C-alpha cells in the first residue's frame, strides 16, 4: 500500500484539530501506543491478552492487556515468507489482510500475498500455540485464485468452518473448510457467491461474517483505500437468516446485486475507515478498523479556505457495536 504525502507551499499556517462534532458517528475508543496499522485483526487468548496482526512485510504483531494500550513486539515471520514470493512477484514482499482466530488454545492466522500490479493472489494459513514472533508454523497454501484480496474465517453455530474471501473483480465468496486442516475439503471447490458491486469503478473487499441473534451479518469494505485524505473506504453490512445468504441491506437490496447499508463512513477528521474486523469479547462486540486522521488548517491572517485538510497518518480504530435495532450501530 502507498501513502500520499502533501507538502504545502502556501502561506504560513497553524494546525488545529477539527473541533466540530458529528452526531452520526461517535469517536473511536481511546487507543494509544503503537497504533499505526493497516488491515488490523484482533483475537484474545485464554489469559485475557489481546493480539493484533496487521499488513506488513512479515506481518506485524502487537499486544495489549486492555484493548487500549498497544505495543509492537515483532513479526509472525521475522525471517520472511519465501513461499509467498511467487505471488508477491519479489522476495520478502508484503503479506496482507491477516485474519486471526483463537480456538482450543491454538492461534489460526489466515493471510494473503499478491502483487499490486498482478492479478493472481494466494491465501495461506499459519498456526501457533503462543502467537509470539517466530513461533508460527507455515501450514501452506489454502487456495490461490485470480483477484482474491481479502478474507475471513467463519465458525458457524453448527460447528462448521467456512472461509469468506474475494475482492472487487470476483465479489465476496464462501467455501467450507475441513476443521482438521483449516483448508477446503476439495482443492477444486466451487465457491458460493454472497456479495458483489455492480457499478463501474467500484470496489468491495474485507469480508467479515458475524452471527448475532437469528441473523448472520456480512460486513464489507467499499471503495478505495490508501489515498490519505482522499481515501473513500467505508464499511457496509447486510444480513441473512443463513450463513450462505442471501444477504440483504436495510432496503432489502441483495448484496449480490450491489446492496449494502453504511455502518461507518468518513466523518469529522476521520477519513476512509475500513479494512475491518469483528472482535467478540464476552458480552461486547467490537468493530476493529483502520482510518486516516486529518486536521483542519487555519490560516493566521484569514479564514479563507480554512477547511483545508492534510493527512497525518493511518491509525487503529475501535468501537463497540450495538445490535438493539436489529442492525449494527457504532457506539
Protein backbone atom coordinates (compact mmCIF):
# COMPACT_ATOMS: atom_id res chain seq x y z
CA UNK A 1 0.00 0.00 0.00
CA UNK A 2 1.16 3.51 -0.65
CA UNK A 3 0.97 6.75 1.25
CA UNK A 4 0.35 10.19 -0.22
CA UNK A 5 2.42 12.95 1.36
CA UNK A 6 1.12 16.50 0.97
CA UNK A 7 3.50 19.46 1.08
CA UNK A 8 2.03 22.94 1.21
CA UNK A 9 3.90 25.79 -0.49
CA UNK A 10 1.35 28.37 0.59
CA UNK A 11 1.48 30.98 3.37
CA UNK A 12 2.38 30.00 6.97
CA UNK A 13 -0.38 28.06 8.70
CA UNK A 14 -1.44 26.91 12.12
CA UNK A 15 -2.55 23.33 12.69
CA UNK A 16 -5.60 22.69 14.84
CA UNK A 17 -7.79 19.64 15.32
CA UNK A 18 -11.10 19.89 13.52
CA UNK A 19 -13.24 20.60 16.52
CA UNK A 20 -16.84 20.40 15.41
CA UNK A 21 -19.00 17.45 16.47
CA UNK A 22 -20.68 14.82 14.33
CA UNK A 23 -23.81 13.24 15.79
CA UNK A 24 -23.94 10.39 13.27
CA UNK A 25 -20.73 8.62 14.32
CA UNK A 26 -19.10 8.64 17.76
CA UNK A 27 -15.38 8.92 18.32
CA UNK A 28 -13.28 5.78 18.37
CA UNK A 29 -12.50 4.30 21.77
CA UNK A 30 -9.21 5.60 23.13
CA UNK A 31 -6.26 3.63 21.76
CA UNK A 32 -2.63 4.55 22.44
CA UNK A 33 0.86 3.20 21.88
CA UNK A 34 1.98 1.76 18.56
CA UNK A 35 -1.28 2.02 16.62
CA UNK A 36 -0.23 2.81 13.04
CA UNK A 37 -1.71 -0.24 11.29
CA UNK A 38 -3.21 -1.47 8.02
CA UNK A 39 -5.95 -4.14 7.95
CA UNK A 40 -5.99 -4.92 11.70
CA UNK A 41 -7.29 -8.20 13.08
CA UNK A 42 -7.55 -8.85 16.82
CA UNK A 43 -8.09 -12.01 18.83
CA UNK A 44 -7.96 -12.69 22.57
CA UNK A 45 -6.32 -15.68 24.25
CA UNK A 46 -7.42 -17.60 27.35
CA UNK A 47 -5.15 -15.48 29.56
CA UNK A 48 -7.01 -12.33 28.56
CA UNK A 49 -4.30 -10.84 26.35
CA UNK A 50 -5.25 -9.19 23.05
CA UNK A 51 -3.21 -9.86 19.93
CA UNK A 52 -3.32 -7.60 16.88
CA UNK A 53 -1.99 -8.61 13.46
CA UNK A 54 -1.64 -6.24 10.52
CA UNK A 55 -0.48 -5.97 6.92
CA UNK A 56 3.30 -5.60 6.53
CA UNK A 57 6.39 -7.46 5.42
CA UNK A 58 6.37 -10.48 7.75
CA UNK A 59 3.01 -9.49 9.36
CA UNK A 60 3.38 -7.24 12.40
CA UNK A 61 2.27 -8.40 15.88
CA UNK A 62 1.05 -6.09 18.63
CA UNK A 63 -0.24 -6.93 22.10
CA UNK A 64 -2.41 -5.24 24.71
CA UNK A 65 -3.78 -6.14 28.12
CA UNK A 66 -6.77 -3.79 27.88
CA UNK A 67 -7.60 -3.33 24.16
CA UNK A 68 -6.35 0.24 24.51
CA UNK A 69 -2.57 0.43 25.02
CA UNK A 70 -0.70 -1.39 22.21
CA UNK A 71 2.91 -2.48 21.88
CA UNK A 72 4.64 -3.72 18.74
CA UNK A 73 6.53 -6.91 19.67
CA UNK A 74 7.74 -8.27 16.32
CA UNK A 75 6.58 -10.19 13.29
CA UNK A 76 4.90 -13.50 12.55
CA UNK A 77 7.66 -14.35 10.06
CA UNK A 78 10.76 -12.38 11.10
CA UNK A 79 12.86 -14.27 8.56
CA UNK A 80 10.47 -13.76 5.68
CA UNK A 81 7.96 -15.99 3.90
CA UNK A 82 9.64 -17.28 0.71
CA UNK A 83 6.61 -19.45 -0.15
CA UNK A 84 4.73 -16.21 -0.88
CA UNK A 85 7.35 -14.74 -3.23
CA UNK A 86 5.71 -16.33 -6.27
CA UNK A 87 2.55 -14.31 -5.70
CA UNK A 88 4.20 -11.11 -4.49
CA UNK A 89 6.46 -11.03 -7.53
CA UNK A 90 9.50 -10.28 -5.37
CA UNK A 91 11.50 -11.60 -2.44
CA UNK A 92 10.15 -10.89 1.06
CA UNK A 93 7.20 -8.86 -0.13
CA UNK A 94 4.27 -7.59 1.89
CA UNK A 95 1.85 -10.07 3.49
CA UNK A 96 -1.61 -8.64 3.82
CA UNK A 97 -5.11 -8.75 5.32
CA UNK A 98 -4.42 -11.17 8.20
CA UNK A 99 -7.39 -12.75 9.95
CA UNK A 100 -6.79 -14.16 13.43
CA UNK A 101 -8.85 -16.77 15.28
CA UNK A 102 -8.09 -18.30 18.69
CA UNK A 103 -9.62 -21.74 19.01
CA UNK A 104 -8.95 -24.51 21.57
CA UNK A 105 -5.66 -22.99 22.70
CA UNK A 106 -4.39 -22.50 19.15
CA UNK A 107 -3.96 -19.36 17.06
CA UNK A 108 -5.02 -19.64 13.42
CA UNK A 109 -3.85 -16.88 11.11
CA UNK A 110 -5.05 -16.62 7.51
CA UNK A 111 -3.22 -14.08 5.35
CA UNK A 112 -2.68 -13.26 1.70
CA UNK A 113 0.01 -12.39 -0.82
CA UNK A 114 -0.27 -10.78 -4.21
CA UNK A 115 1.37 -8.18 -6.38
CA UNK A 116 -0.48 -4.84 -6.76
CA UNK A 117 0.44 -4.92 -10.45
CA UNK A 118 -0.67 -8.51 -10.99
CA UNK A 119 -3.95 -10.35 -10.78
CA UNK A 120 -3.11 -13.62 -9.03
CA UNK A 121 -3.26 -13.85 -5.25
CA UNK A 122 -2.97 -16.59 -2.67
CA UNK A 123 -4.30 -17.27 0.82
CA UNK A 124 -2.08 -19.04 3.34
CA UNK A 125 -2.54 -20.41 6.87
CA UNK A 126 -0.19 -20.23 9.85
CA UNK A 127 -0.60 -21.67 13.36
CA UNK A 128 0.93 -21.01 16.75
CA UNK A 129 0.30 -22.01 20.36
CA UNK A 130 1.74 -18.74 21.72
CA UNK A 131 1.40 -16.16 18.90
CA UNK A 132 4.90 -14.90 19.70
CA UNK A 133 7.19 -13.70 16.88
CA UNK A 134 8.87 -16.61 15.11
CA UNK A 135 6.65 -19.24 16.75
CA UNK A 136 4.36 -19.65 13.76
CA UNK A 137 4.30 -22.78 11.61
CA UNK A 138 3.67 -22.39 7.90
CA UNK A 139 0.64 -24.58 7.15
CA UNK A 140 0.90 -23.81 3.46
CA UNK A 141 -1.43 -22.69 0.71
CA UNK A 142 -5.17 -22.58 1.37
CA UNK A 143 -6.15 -21.50 -2.12
CA UNK A 144 -4.85 -19.40 -4.97
CA UNK A 145 -7.17 -17.53 -7.25
CA UNK A 146 -7.34 -14.54 -9.53
CA UNK A 147 -8.22 -11.26 -7.82
CA UNK A 148 -8.61 -12.67 -4.28
CA UNK A 149 -7.60 -9.88 -1.96
CA UNK A 150 -9.19 -10.40 1.45
CA UNK A 151 -10.95 -12.99 3.56
CA UNK A 152 -12.15 -14.02 6.99
CA UNK A 153 -12.53 -17.27 8.90
CA UNK A 154 -16.07 -18.11 10.00
CA UNK A 155 -17.13 -20.75 12.52
CA UNK A 156 -20.88 -21.33 12.34
CA UNK A 157 -23.15 -22.24 15.24
CA UNK A 158 -23.34 -25.74 13.77
CA UNK A 159 -19.63 -26.29 14.29
CA UNK A 160 -18.81 -25.93 10.61
CA UNK A 161 -15.81 -23.93 9.40
CA UNK A 162 -16.00 -21.52 6.49
CA UNK A 163 -13.75 -19.03 4.75
CA UNK A 164 -15.16 -15.84 3.22
CA UNK A 165 -12.83 -14.38 0.61
CA UNK A 166 -12.68 -12.37 -2.59
CA UNK A 167 -12.48 -8.83 -3.84
CA UNK A 168 -13.57 -6.33 -6.43
CA UNK A 169 -13.35 -8.38 -9.62
CA UNK A 170 -14.83 -11.59 -8.25
CA UNK A 171 -17.06 -10.39 -5.41
CA UNK A 172 -17.20 -11.98 -1.95
CA UNK A 173 -17.43 -15.76 -1.82
CA UNK A 174 -17.64 -18.61 0.71
CA UNK A 175 -16.01 -22.02 0.92
CA UNK A 176 -16.38 -24.66 3.62
CA UNK A 177 -13.20 -25.76 5.41
CA UNK A 178 -12.06 -29.04 6.90
CA UNK A 179 -11.57 -28.32 10.66
CA UNK A 180 -8.74 -30.86 10.80
CA UNK A 181 -6.64 -28.90 8.27
CA UNK A 182 -8.17 -25.41 8.13
CA UNK A 183 -8.31 -25.79 4.34
CA UNK A 184 -11.07 -26.58 1.81
CA UNK A 185 -12.20 -30.21 1.70
CA UNK A 186 -11.77 -30.19 -2.07
CA UNK A 187 -8.93 -28.19 -3.67
CA UNK A 188 -11.17 -27.81 -6.74
CA UNK A 189 -14.05 -26.38 -4.72
CA UNK A 190 -16.77 -24.22 -6.26
CA UNK A 191 -17.26 -21.18 -4.01
CA UNK A 192 -20.64 -19.70 -3.05
CA UNK A 193 -21.09 -16.07 -4.12
CA UNK A 194 -22.58 -13.80 -1.43
CA UNK A 195 -21.78 -10.17 -2.39
CA UNK A 196 -20.60 -8.03 -5.29
CA UNK A 197 -20.59 -4.45 -6.62
CA UNK A 198 -22.34 -3.83 -9.91
CA UNK A 199 -21.38 -0.22 -10.69
CA UNK A 200 -18.27 0.56 -12.74
CA UNK A 201 -15.08 1.62 -10.94
CA UNK A 202 -16.34 0.49 -7.55
CA UNK A 203 -14.66 -1.78 -5.05
CA UNK A 204 -15.66 -4.35 -2.44
CA UNK A 205 -13.37 -6.34 -0.13
CA UNK A 206 -12.63 -7.04 3.53
CA UNK A 207 -15.45 -9.50 4.31
CA UNK A 208 -16.42 -10.48 7.87
CA UNK A 209 -19.37 -12.61 8.94
CA UNK A 210 -20.73 -12.48 12.48
CA UNK A 211 -23.87 -14.12 13.90
CA UNK A 212 -25.96 -12.15 16.36
CA UNK A 213 -29.34 -13.46 17.44
CA UNK A 214 -31.06 -15.10 14.49
CA UNK A 215 -29.10 -13.25 11.81
CA UNK A 216 -25.74 -13.59 10.13
CA UNK A 217 -24.23 -10.18 9.37
CA UNK A 218 -21.87 -9.73 6.43
CA UNK A 219 -19.56 -6.73 6.82
CA UNK A 220 -17.59 -5.50 3.80
CA UNK A 221 -15.37 -2.55 2.92
CA UNK A 222 -16.36 -0.48 -0.09
CA UNK A 223 -14.45 1.90 -2.35
CA UNK A 224 -10.80 2.92 -2.19
CA UNK A 225 -8.09 2.95 0.45
CA UNK A 226 -4.54 4.21 0.80
CA UNK A 227 -5.07 7.70 -0.63
CA UNK A 228 -4.60 9.63 2.59
CA UNK A 229 -7.34 12.22 2.97
CA UNK A 230 -8.60 11.19 -0.46
CA UNK A 231 -9.45 7.68 0.80
CA UNK A 232 -13.09 6.75 0.27
CA UNK A 233 -13.16 3.50 2.25
CA UNK A 234 -16.43 2.89 4.11
CA UNK A 235 -17.89 -0.11 5.95
CA UNK A 236 -21.16 -1.70 4.79
CA UNK A 237 -23.37 -4.52 6.07
CA UNK A 238 -26.18 -6.85 5.08
CA UNK A 239 -27.87 -9.66 7.00
CA UNK A 240 -29.26 -13.12 6.31
CA UNK A 241 -31.07 -15.92 8.09
CA UNK A 242 -28.48 -18.34 6.68
CA UNK A 243 -24.69 -18.14 6.65
CA UNK A 244 -24.64 -18.80 2.91
CA UNK A 245 -27.10 -15.98 2.20
CA UNK A 246 -28.85 -14.25 0.62
CA UNK A 247 -27.64 -11.13 2.46
CA UNK A 248 -29.93 -8.08 2.22
CA UNK A 249 -29.33 -4.50 3.31
CA UNK A 250 -31.80 -2.28 5.20
CA UNK A 251 -33.62 -1.54 1.95
CA UNK A 252 -33.88 -5.27 1.14
CA UNK A 253 -31.40 -4.92 -1.71
CA UNK A 254 -29.36 -8.15 -2.06
CA UNK A 255 -25.64 -7.71 -1.52
CA UNK A 256 -25.21 -9.94 -4.57
CA UNK A 257 -26.63 -7.04 -6.59
CA UNK A 258 -24.79 -4.14 -5.02
CA UNK A 259 -26.67 -3.83 -1.73
CA UNK A 260 -25.02 -2.73 1.50
CA UNK A 261 -26.04 -0.38 4.31
CA UNK A 262 -23.46 2.02 5.75
CA UNK A 263 -22.06 1.16 9.19
CA UNK A 264 -19.19 3.66 9.28
CA UNK A 265 -18.05 6.33 6.81
CA UNK A 266 -15.76 9.36 6.76
CA UNK A 267 -16.70 11.98 9.31
CA UNK A 268 -15.14 14.97 11.06
CA UNK A 269 -11.36 14.49 10.89
CA UNK A 270 -11.64 10.74 10.15
CA UNK A 271 -11.24 9.68 6.53
CA UNK A 272 -11.60 6.28 4.88
CA UNK A 273 -12.46 3.89 7.75
CA UNK A 274 -12.28 0.28 6.55
CA UNK A 275 -10.27 -2.93 6.41
CA UNK A 276 -12.39 -4.01 9.37
CA UNK A 277 -12.52 -6.99 11.70
CA UNK A 278 -15.12 -8.09 14.27
CA UNK A 279 -13.99 -8.94 17.81
CA UNK A 280 -16.34 -10.66 20.28
CA UNK A 281 -15.17 -10.10 23.86
CA UNK A 282 -17.54 -11.60 26.43
CA UNK A 283 -20.82 -9.67 26.00
CA UNK A 284 -19.30 -6.94 23.84
CA UNK A 285 -18.89 -6.84 20.07
CA UNK A 286 -16.24 -4.52 18.65
CA UNK A 287 -15.67 -3.12 15.19
CA UNK A 288 -11.92 -3.02 14.53
CA UNK A 289 -10.73 -0.91 11.60
CA UNK A 290 -8.06 1.39 10.22
CA UNK A 291 -8.62 5.07 9.46
CA UNK A 292 -6.87 8.22 8.37
CA UNK A 293 -6.69 11.24 10.66
CA UNK A 294 -6.64 14.71 9.25
CA UNK A 295 -6.59 18.14 10.80
CA UNK A 296 -8.20 21.43 9.91
CA UNK A 297 -5.70 24.06 8.81
CA UNK A 298 -6.47 27.57 10.00
CA UNK A 299 -4.64 30.46 8.37
CA UNK A 300 -3.07 33.06 10.60
CA UNK A 301 -4.29 36.10 8.63
CA UNK A 302 -7.52 34.94 7.07
CA UNK A 303 -10.23 32.33 7.43
CA UNK A 304 -10.44 31.93 3.65
CA UNK A 305 -10.05 28.26 2.70
CA UNK A 306 -9.93 27.38 6.41
CA UNK A 307 -11.49 23.98 5.72
CA UNK A 308 -8.31 22.67 4.13
CA UNK A 309 -7.24 19.23 5.29
CA UNK A 310 -3.97 17.34 5.38
CA UNK A 311 -3.19 13.70 6.12
CA UNK A 312 -1.47 12.85 9.40
CA UNK A 313 -1.41 9.05 9.22
CA UNK A 314 -3.43 5.82 9.32
CA UNK A 315 -4.40 4.54 12.73
CA UNK A 316 -6.26 1.83 14.60
CA UNK A 317 -9.94 2.43 15.28
CA UNK A 318 -12.03 0.53 17.86
CA UNK A 319 -15.76 0.98 18.51
CA UNK A 320 -18.42 -1.15 20.15
CA UNK A 321 -21.38 -2.25 18.06
CA UNK A 322 -24.97 -2.20 19.29
CA UNK A 323 -27.49 -4.57 17.67
CA UNK A 324 -30.62 -3.47 19.57
CA UNK A 325 -32.30 -2.25 16.39
CA UNK A 326 -31.52 -5.47 14.55
CA UNK A 327 -28.68 -3.75 12.71
CA UNK A 328 -25.13 -2.95 13.88
CA UNK A 329 -24.75 0.64 15.09
CA UNK A 330 -21.38 2.13 16.03
CA UNK A 331 -21.43 3.42 19.63
